[in-house]
Amino acid sequence: MTEVALGNDTRFELTVSDVTGAVGDSITVLPIVVAVAALTDLHLPTLLLGFAVFQIVWGVHYDLPISVEPMKALAALVIAGSLTTGEFVTAGAVAGVVLLAVGRTGTLSRITPYVGEPVVRGIQVAVALMLARTGVELGAGNPTVALVAVLITGVVVALGYRRASALVVLAFGVVLAELSVGVPSPRLPQLALGFSPALTETTLSATLGQLAMTVGNAAVATSLLLADLFDADVAPDELATSMGVMNLLAVPFGAMPMCHGSGGVAGKYAFGARNAGANLVLGIMYALAAIFAASVVAAFPLSVLGVVLVVVAFSLGRSGLDTEDRWFAVGVGLLGLLTNVGIAFVVGVGAWWVRNKL
């Protein structure tokens, strides 16, 4: 065990378990980030650098193996082509403003009871369905390569490593890309204020759907899980504040909208993380990937990416169905797929209230 002191009584105890635990938070992060970089104008090195910085920042701040993940609803929409790049980054900035405001005023703890848990689960189902649809479309571009990726997924799952299956398939795609372009040359990520704001009706609708997931999963559920696993007292409003700060500092410089999340915390814990050392390890891993990633993403096979997205969608869909009111969640999810997540959220909240008043 190696101990690293960073001042302010924050100490990282680096163990083998923390190294493996770092992988637990990257399982869904890397596939989504690579997909966003491959299908939009955003640059993978800059996206990875954002995750590298804030893994370390929040690890130091909370002194816990806290997660830093993509805002999945927004990511799914831009991957599916329902949001432009400008709308995507604008939605992240708007979400940052709202989260900072509600966190600093303690509003989150007061509004959470008005958003039914099945509604949040339904938004997760909608995002999963959108990712799955896009994944199938991408996989159809080269069915042979996609089939090999599917077989790899099946073997990994059969061996009992279901949670790691997306990461293994992603590694397969990286190998194919490197065989195409050769060993990548190091290149420092460049920060850029390059995208014009696009505050449209679609932007606001997407932000609303994302905030529904963020309130339920990234704030409330993460707060509860940190208490359960690490006996830590981190209030949902505090998590909302840190997410607001993170997005307002990162998104304008080309990073993608980010949040905390119970899934990432659970993933780190399941893979062995017990302290903030996992954040330091993962931050360094992301930083190294940012330096060497530029040429790889350009050659990444989209058919493999499609399989990765389906695997991620399946995992997210399982979380969405983890509710006693499963059919309600499915209904909200299908509505989100057929319309948009904003409409699904508003209708879902209304239906939930009407049903509970009867």
Protein backbone atom coordinates (compact mmCIF):
# COMPACT_ATOMS: atom_id res chain seq x y z
CA MET A 1 0.00 0.00 0.00
CA THR A 2 1.29 3.48 -0.93
CA GLU A 3 0.03 6.59 0.84
CA VAL A 4 0.05 9.97 -0.90
CA ALA A 5 -0.65 13.11 1.15
CA LEU A 6 -2.19 16.11 -0.60
CA GLY A 7 -2.69 18.47 2.34
CA ASN A 8 -5.92 19.49 4.09
CA ASP A 9 -5.87 16.06 5.78
CA THR A 10 -6.65 14.39 2.44
CA ARG A 11 -4.63 11.20 1.96
CA PHE A 12 -4.79 8.78 -0.93
CA GLU A 13 -4.04 5.20 0.04
CA LEU A 14 -3.07 3.53 -3.21
CA THR A 15 -3.68 -0.21 -3.19
CA VAL A 16 -4.20 -2.80 -5.88
CA SER A 17 -7.91 -2.72 -5.06
CA ASP A 18 -8.02 1.01 -5.78
CA VAL A 19 -6.39 0.44 -9.16
CA THR A 20 -8.97 -2.19 -10.07
CA GLY A 21 -11.69 -0.01 -8.52
CA ALA A 22 -10.79 2.79 -10.90
CA VAL A 23 -11.89 0.53 -13.75
CA GLY A 24 -15.37 0.30 -12.23
CA ASP A 25 -16.15 3.95 -12.96
CA SER A 26 -14.75 3.81 -16.49
CA ILE A 27 -16.92 0.96 -17.73
CA THR A 28 -19.76 3.16 -18.96
CA VAL A 29 -17.80 6.42 -19.20
CA LEU A 30 -15.33 5.46 -21.93
CA PRO A 31 -17.83 3.91 -24.38
CA ILE A 32 -20.11 6.95 -24.20
CA VAL A 33 -17.24 9.43 -24.45
CA VAL A 34 -15.77 7.65 -27.47
CA ALA A 35 -19.21 7.59 -29.10
CA VAL A 36 -19.72 11.33 -28.56
CA ALA A 37 -16.27 12.08 -29.97
CA ALA A 38 -16.79 9.82 -32.98
CA LEU A 39 -20.24 11.18 -33.88
CA THR A 40 -19.92 14.90 -33.05
CA ASP A 41 -17.49 17.79 -33.50
CA LEU A 42 -16.15 17.46 -29.96
CA HIS A 43 -12.58 16.25 -29.49
CA LEU A 44 -11.86 13.07 -27.54
CA PRO A 45 -8.63 14.31 -25.88
CA THR A 46 -10.44 17.35 -24.46
CA LEU A 47 -13.37 15.23 -23.28
CA LEU A 48 -11.00 12.84 -21.53
CA LEU A 49 -9.07 15.70 -19.97
CA GLY A 50 -12.28 17.00 -18.39
CA PHE A 51 -12.88 13.64 -16.73
CA ALA A 52 -9.23 13.42 -15.67
CA VAL A 53 -9.30 16.79 -13.93
CA PHE A 54 -12.57 16.30 -12.09
CA GLN A 55 -11.89 12.73 -11.00
CA ILE A 56 -8.96 14.14 -9.05
CA VAL A 57 -10.70 17.37 -7.96
CA TRP A 58 -13.74 15.64 -6.44
CA GLY A 59 -11.63 12.82 -5.02
CA VAL A 60 -9.64 15.45 -3.10
CA HIS A 61 -12.75 17.46 -2.17
CA TYR A 62 -14.89 14.59 -0.86
CA ASP A 63 -12.04 12.26 0.15
CA LEU A 64 -14.18 9.44 -1.24
CA PRO A 65 -14.16 7.29 -4.41
CA ILE A 66 -16.90 9.44 -5.90
CA SER A 67 -17.86 9.06 -9.55
CA VAL A 68 -17.64 11.48 -12.47
CA GLU A 69 -19.78 10.35 -15.40
CA PRO A 70 -21.27 11.74 -18.62
CA MET A 71 -24.74 13.26 -18.43
CA LYS A 72 -26.23 10.23 -20.15
CA ALA A 73 -29.54 11.71 -21.32
CA LEU A 74 -27.76 14.54 -23.14
CA ALA A 75 -25.08 12.17 -24.45
CA ALA A 76 -27.69 9.76 -25.82
CA LEU A 77 -29.49 12.58 -27.61
CA VAL A 78 -26.38 13.96 -29.29
CA ILE A 79 -25.22 10.44 -30.21
CA ALA A 80 -28.61 9.77 -31.78
CA GLY A 81 -28.47 13.06 -33.70
CA SER A 82 -31.40 14.59 -31.81
CA LEU A 83 -29.15 17.39 -30.50
CA THR A 84 -26.58 19.42 -32.40
CA THR A 85 -23.17 19.92 -30.82
CA GLY A 86 -24.12 23.50 -29.97
CA GLU A 87 -27.35 22.39 -28.32
CA PHE A 88 -25.49 19.65 -26.44
CA VAL A 89 -22.91 21.95 -24.84
CA THR A 90 -25.54 24.64 -24.19
CA ALA A 91 -27.74 22.11 -22.41
CA GLY A 92 -24.77 21.15 -20.25
CA ALA A 93 -24.15 24.77 -19.33
CA VAL A 94 -27.84 25.39 -18.56
CA ALA A 95 -27.93 22.27 -16.40
CA GLY A 96 -24.84 23.56 -14.61
CA VAL A 97 -26.54 26.86 -13.80
CA VAL A 98 -29.67 25.14 -12.50
CA LEU A 99 -27.74 22.61 -10.41
CA LEU A 100 -25.55 25.29 -8.88
CA ALA A 101 -28.59 27.40 -8.03
CA VAL A 102 -30.65 24.61 -6.45
CA GLY A 103 -27.62 23.23 -4.63
CA ARG A 104 -26.56 26.53 -3.11
CA THR A 105 -30.10 27.38 -2.01
CA GLY A 106 -30.89 23.93 -0.60
CA THR A 107 -33.79 23.62 -3.04
CA LEU A 108 -33.01 20.08 -4.15
CA SER A 109 -34.02 18.52 -0.86
CA ARG A 110 -37.39 20.29 -1.13
CA ILE A 111 -38.25 19.42 -4.75
CA THR A 112 -37.11 15.79 -4.79
CA PRO A 113 -40.36 14.44 -3.24
CA TYR A 114 -42.31 15.91 -6.17
CA VAL A 115 -40.48 13.77 -8.74
CA GLY A 116 -41.63 10.17 -8.51
CA GLU A 117 -38.94 7.48 -8.56
CA PRO A 118 -40.66 5.61 -11.43
CA VAL A 119 -40.47 8.79 -13.53
CA VAL A 120 -36.69 8.97 -13.09
CA ARG A 121 -36.42 5.28 -13.89
CA GLY A 122 -38.51 5.89 -17.00
CA ILE A 123 -36.07 8.55 -18.21
CA GLN A 124 -33.29 6.00 -17.77
CA VAL A 125 -35.28 3.53 -19.89
CA ALA A 126 -35.79 6.19 -22.58
CA VAL A 127 -32.07 6.91 -22.72
CA ALA A 128 -31.31 3.18 -22.90
CA LEU A 129 -33.73 2.74 -25.79
CA MET A 130 -32.18 5.64 -27.70
CA LEU A 131 -28.68 4.27 -27.21
CA ALA A 132 -29.80 0.80 -28.30
CA ARG A 133 -31.47 2.14 -31.46
CA THR A 134 -28.36 4.09 -32.43
CA GLY A 135 -26.17 1.09 -31.63
CA VAL A 136 -28.13 -1.20 -33.92
CA GLU A 137 -27.95 1.35 -36.73
CA LEU A 138 -24.17 1.66 -36.37
CA GLY A 139 -23.65 -2.09 -36.11
CA ALA A 140 -25.53 -2.62 -39.36
CA GLY A 141 -22.81 -0.69 -41.19
CA ASN A 142 -20.40 -3.63 -40.95
CA PRO A 143 -22.29 -6.72 -39.72
CA THR A 144 -19.24 -9.00 -39.79
CA VAL A 145 -17.16 -6.88 -37.40
CA ALA A 146 -20.25 -6.25 -35.29
CA LEU A 147 -20.85 -10.00 -35.02
CA VAL A 148 -17.29 -10.55 -33.78
CA ALA A 149 -17.86 -7.84 -31.16
CA VAL A 150 -21.12 -9.54 -30.13
CA LEU A 151 -19.32 -12.87 -29.75
CA ILE A 152 -16.66 -11.21 -27.58
CA THR A 153 -19.41 -9.74 -25.44
CA GLY A 154 -21.03 -13.14 -25.05
CA VAL A 155 -17.75 -14.77 -23.97
CA VAL A 156 -17.02 -12.04 -21.40
CA VAL A 157 -20.53 -12.29 -19.96
CA ALA A 158 -20.35 -16.11 -19.88
CA LEU A 159 -17.11 -15.86 -17.91
CA GLY A 160 -18.93 -13.84 -15.28
CA TYR A 161 -17.65 -10.36 -16.11
CA ARG A 162 -20.87 -8.74 -17.33
CA ARG A 163 -20.00 -5.32 -15.92
CA ALA A 164 -16.70 -5.26 -17.83
CA SER A 165 -18.14 -6.41 -21.17
CA ALA A 166 -18.51 -2.90 -22.65
CA LEU A 167 -14.93 -2.05 -21.72
CA VAL A 168 -13.60 -5.26 -23.28
CA VAL A 169 -15.45 -4.63 -26.55
CA LEU A 170 -14.20 -1.05 -26.49
CA ALA A 171 -10.65 -2.40 -26.17
CA PHE A 172 -11.31 -4.63 -29.20
CA GLY A 173 -12.28 -1.54 -31.19
CA VAL A 174 -9.15 0.29 -30.03
CA VAL A 175 -7.01 -2.63 -31.24
CA LEU A 176 -8.66 -2.50 -34.66
CA ALA A 177 -8.17 1.26 -34.81
CA GLU A 178 -4.50 1.00 -33.87
CA LEU A 179 -3.95 -1.71 -36.49
CA SER A 180 -5.34 0.81 -38.96
CA VAL A 181 -3.38 3.91 -37.91
CA GLY A 182 -0.38 2.45 -36.11
CA VAL A 183 0.97 3.47 -32.73
CA PRO A 184 -0.56 6.86 -31.87
CA SER A 185 1.73 9.86 -31.37
CA PRO A 186 1.38 11.87 -28.16
CA ARG A 187 -0.45 15.16 -28.50
CA LEU A 188 -1.49 17.58 -25.78
CA PRO A 189 -5.26 18.27 -25.65
CA GLN A 190 -6.26 21.77 -26.70
CA LEU A 191 -8.89 23.77 -24.88
CA ALA A 192 -11.17 25.78 -27.14
CA LEU A 193 -14.12 28.10 -26.77
CA GLY A 194 -15.34 27.00 -30.17
CA PHE A 195 -19.07 26.32 -30.08
CA SER A 196 -21.77 28.94 -30.37
CA PRO A 197 -24.60 28.72 -27.83
CA ALA A 198 -27.79 27.17 -29.18
CA LEU A 199 -30.59 27.84 -26.72
CA THR A 200 -33.50 26.22 -28.53
CA GLU A 201 -36.69 24.46 -27.48
CA THR A 202 -34.85 21.18 -28.06
CA THR A 203 -32.04 22.34 -25.78
CA LEU A 204 -34.43 23.14 -22.95
CA SER A 205 -36.37 19.90 -23.39
CA ALA A 206 -33.18 17.85 -23.30
CA THR A 207 -31.97 19.73 -20.23
CA LEU A 208 -35.23 19.00 -18.44
CA GLY A 209 -34.92 15.29 -19.10
CA GLN A 210 -31.31 15.27 -17.97
CA LEU A 211 -32.12 17.14 -14.78
CA ALA A 212 -34.74 14.49 -13.97
CA MET A 213 -32.04 11.83 -14.09
CA THR A 214 -29.51 14.01 -12.31
CA VAL A 215 -31.81 14.76 -9.37
CA GLY A 216 -32.74 11.12 -8.90
CA ASN A 217 -29.49 9.33 -9.70
CA ALA A 218 -26.57 11.72 -9.50
CA ALA A 219 -27.71 13.58 -6.37
CA VAL A 220 -30.21 11.66 -4.22
CA ALA A 221 -29.20 8.08 -5.07
CA THR A 222 -25.49 8.90 -4.94
CA SER A 223 -25.89 10.56 -1.54
CA LEU A 224 -27.66 7.48 -0.18
CA LEU A 225 -25.11 5.08 -1.65
CA LEU A 226 -22.15 7.00 -0.22
CA ALA A 227 -23.82 6.76 3.20
CA ASP A 228 -24.50 3.03 2.78
CA LEU A 229 -21.07 2.03 1.46
CA PHE A 230 -18.72 4.49 3.16
CA ASP A 231 -20.76 5.88 6.05
CA ALA A 232 -20.28 9.33 4.49
CA ASP A 233 -22.56 12.32 5.06
CA VAL A 234 -22.74 14.03 1.64
CA ALA A 235 -26.01 15.88 1.09
CA PRO A 236 -27.76 15.83 -2.33
CA ASP A 237 -27.57 19.63 -2.45
CA GLU A 238 -23.80 19.46 -1.99
CA LEU A 239 -23.53 17.05 -4.91
CA ALA A 240 -25.75 19.33 -7.00
CA THR A 241 -23.45 22.26 -6.23
CA SER A 242 -20.32 20.37 -7.26
CA MET A 243 -21.99 19.22 -10.50
CA GLY A 244 -23.01 22.80 -11.27
CA VAL A 245 -19.47 24.07 -10.69
CA MET A 246 -18.00 21.23 -12.74
CA ASN A 247 -20.11 21.93 -15.81
CA LEU A 248 -19.76 25.70 -15.72
CA LEU A 249 -15.97 25.35 -15.54
CA ALA A 250 -15.56 22.50 -18.03
CA VAL A 251 -18.21 22.69 -20.75
CA PRO A 252 -17.19 26.11 -22.15
CA PHE A 253 -13.69 24.72 -22.80
CA GLY A 254 -14.80 21.76 -24.91
CA ALA A 255 -15.45 19.15 -22.21
CA MET A 256 -18.76 17.31 -22.19
CA PRO A 257 -21.53 17.74 -19.61
CA MET A 258 -20.62 15.67 -16.54
CA CYS A 259 -22.28 14.58 -13.33
CA HIS A 260 -21.85 12.26 -10.37
CA GLY A 261 -23.75 8.99 -10.35
CA SER A 262 -24.65 6.06 -8.15
CA GLY A 263 -23.68 3.59 -10.87
CA GLY A 264 -20.10 4.83 -10.96
CA VAL A 265 -19.81 4.72 -7.17
CA ALA A 266 -21.23 1.20 -7.12
CA GLY A 267 -18.86 0.20 -9.94
CA LYS A 268 -15.82 1.51 -8.10
CA TYR A 269 -16.88 -0.24 -4.90
CA ALA A 270 -17.60 -3.53 -6.69
CA PHE A 271 -14.13 -3.49 -8.26
CA GLY A 272 -12.44 -2.85 -4.90
CA ALA A 273 -12.20 0.92 -4.37
CA ARG A 274 -12.44 1.96 -0.73
CA ASN A 275 -10.94 5.46 -0.77
CA ALA A 276 -10.17 8.39 -3.07
CA GLY A 277 -7.03 6.71 -4.36
CA ALA A 278 -9.19 5.22 -7.11
CA ASN A 279 -9.96 8.76 -8.31
CA LEU A 280 -6.28 9.62 -8.50
CA VAL A 281 -5.54 6.46 -10.49
CA LEU A 282 -8.44 7.00 -12.86
CA GLY A 283 -7.61 10.68 -13.33
CA ILE A 284 -4.08 9.76 -14.39
CA MET A 285 -5.42 7.05 -16.72
CA TYR A 286 -7.78 9.50 -18.41
CA ALA A 287 -5.00 12.09 -18.76
CA LEU A 288 -2.70 9.56 -20.44
CA ALA A 289 -5.52 8.46 -22.74
CA ALA A 290 -6.15 12.12 -23.65
CA ILE A 291 -2.55 12.52 -24.76
CA PHE A 292 -2.56 9.40 -26.95
CA ALA A 293 -6.21 9.26 -28.08
CA ALA A 294 -6.48 11.71 -30.97
CA SER A 295 -5.69 9.41 -33.88
CA VAL A 296 -7.38 6.34 -32.41
CA VAL A 297 -10.88 7.79 -32.29
CA ALA A 298 -10.73 8.86 -35.94
CA ALA A 299 -10.17 5.24 -36.96
CA PHE A 300 -12.46 3.62 -34.38
CA PRO A 301 -14.83 1.17 -36.19
CA LEU A 302 -18.39 2.46 -35.85
CA SER A 303 -19.81 -1.06 -36.07
CA VAL A 304 -17.93 -1.98 -32.88
CA LEU A 305 -19.08 1.26 -31.33
CA GLY A 306 -22.65 0.20 -32.10
CA VAL A 307 -22.23 -3.02 -30.13
CA VAL A 308 -20.68 -1.07 -27.24
CA LEU A 309 -23.69 1.24 -27.16
CA VAL A 310 -26.11 -1.69 -27.09
CA VAL A 311 -24.20 -3.20 -24.15
CA VAL A 312 -24.29 0.15 -22.31
CA ALA A 313 -27.99 0.50 -23.15
CA PHE A 314 -28.72 -2.93 -21.70
CA SER A 315 -26.95 -2.04 -18.46
CA LEU A 316 -28.74 1.30 -18.18
CA GLY A 317 -32.06 -0.31 -19.05
CA ARG A 318 -31.64 -2.82 -16.22
CA SER A 319 -31.21 0.11 -13.82
CA GLY A 320 -34.30 1.78 -15.24
CA LEU A 321 -36.38 -1.32 -14.64
CA ASP A 322 -35.17 -1.66 -11.05
CA THR A 323 -38.42 -0.34 -9.63
CA GLU A 324 -41.61 -1.79 -8.24
CA ASP A 325 -43.55 0.26 -10.79
CA ARG A 326 -41.84 -1.24 -13.82
CA TRP A 327 -44.66 -0.75 -16.32
CA PHE A 328 -44.92 2.92 -15.46
CA ALA A 329 -41.18 3.29 -16.12
CA VAL A 330 -41.52 1.44 -19.43
CA GLY A 331 -44.36 3.75 -20.47
CA VAL A 332 -42.33 6.86 -19.70
CA GLY A 333 -39.36 5.33 -21.52
CA LEU A 334 -41.34 4.55 -24.68
CA LEU A 335 -42.83 8.04 -24.66
CA GLY A 336 -39.32 9.47 -24.38
CA LEU A 337 -38.17 7.36 -27.32
CA LEU A 338 -41.13 8.37 -29.51
CA THR A 339 -41.13 12.07 -28.56
CA ASN A 340 -38.30 13.42 -26.38
CA VAL A 341 -37.13 13.06 -22.80
CA GLY A 342 -38.47 16.49 -21.80
CA ILE A 343 -42.02 15.65 -22.80
CA ALA A 344 -41.69 12.21 -21.20
CA PHE A 345 -40.58 13.81 -17.94
CA VAL A 346 -43.42 16.35 -17.79
CA VAL A 347 -46.08 13.80 -18.75
CA GLY A 348 -44.58 11.24 -16.38
CA VAL A 349 -44.61 13.60 -13.39
CA GLY A 350 -48.20 14.61 -14.19
CA ALA A 351 -49.36 11.01 -14.56
CA TRP A 352 -47.56 10.00 -11.37
CA TRP A 353 -49.25 12.77 -9.41
CA VAL A 354 -52.70 12.06 -10.85
CA ARG A 355 -52.40 8.35 -10.09
CA ASN A 356 -51.25 8.94 -6.54
CA LYS A 357 -54.04 11.44 -5.88
CA LEU A 358 -56.72 8.95 -6.93
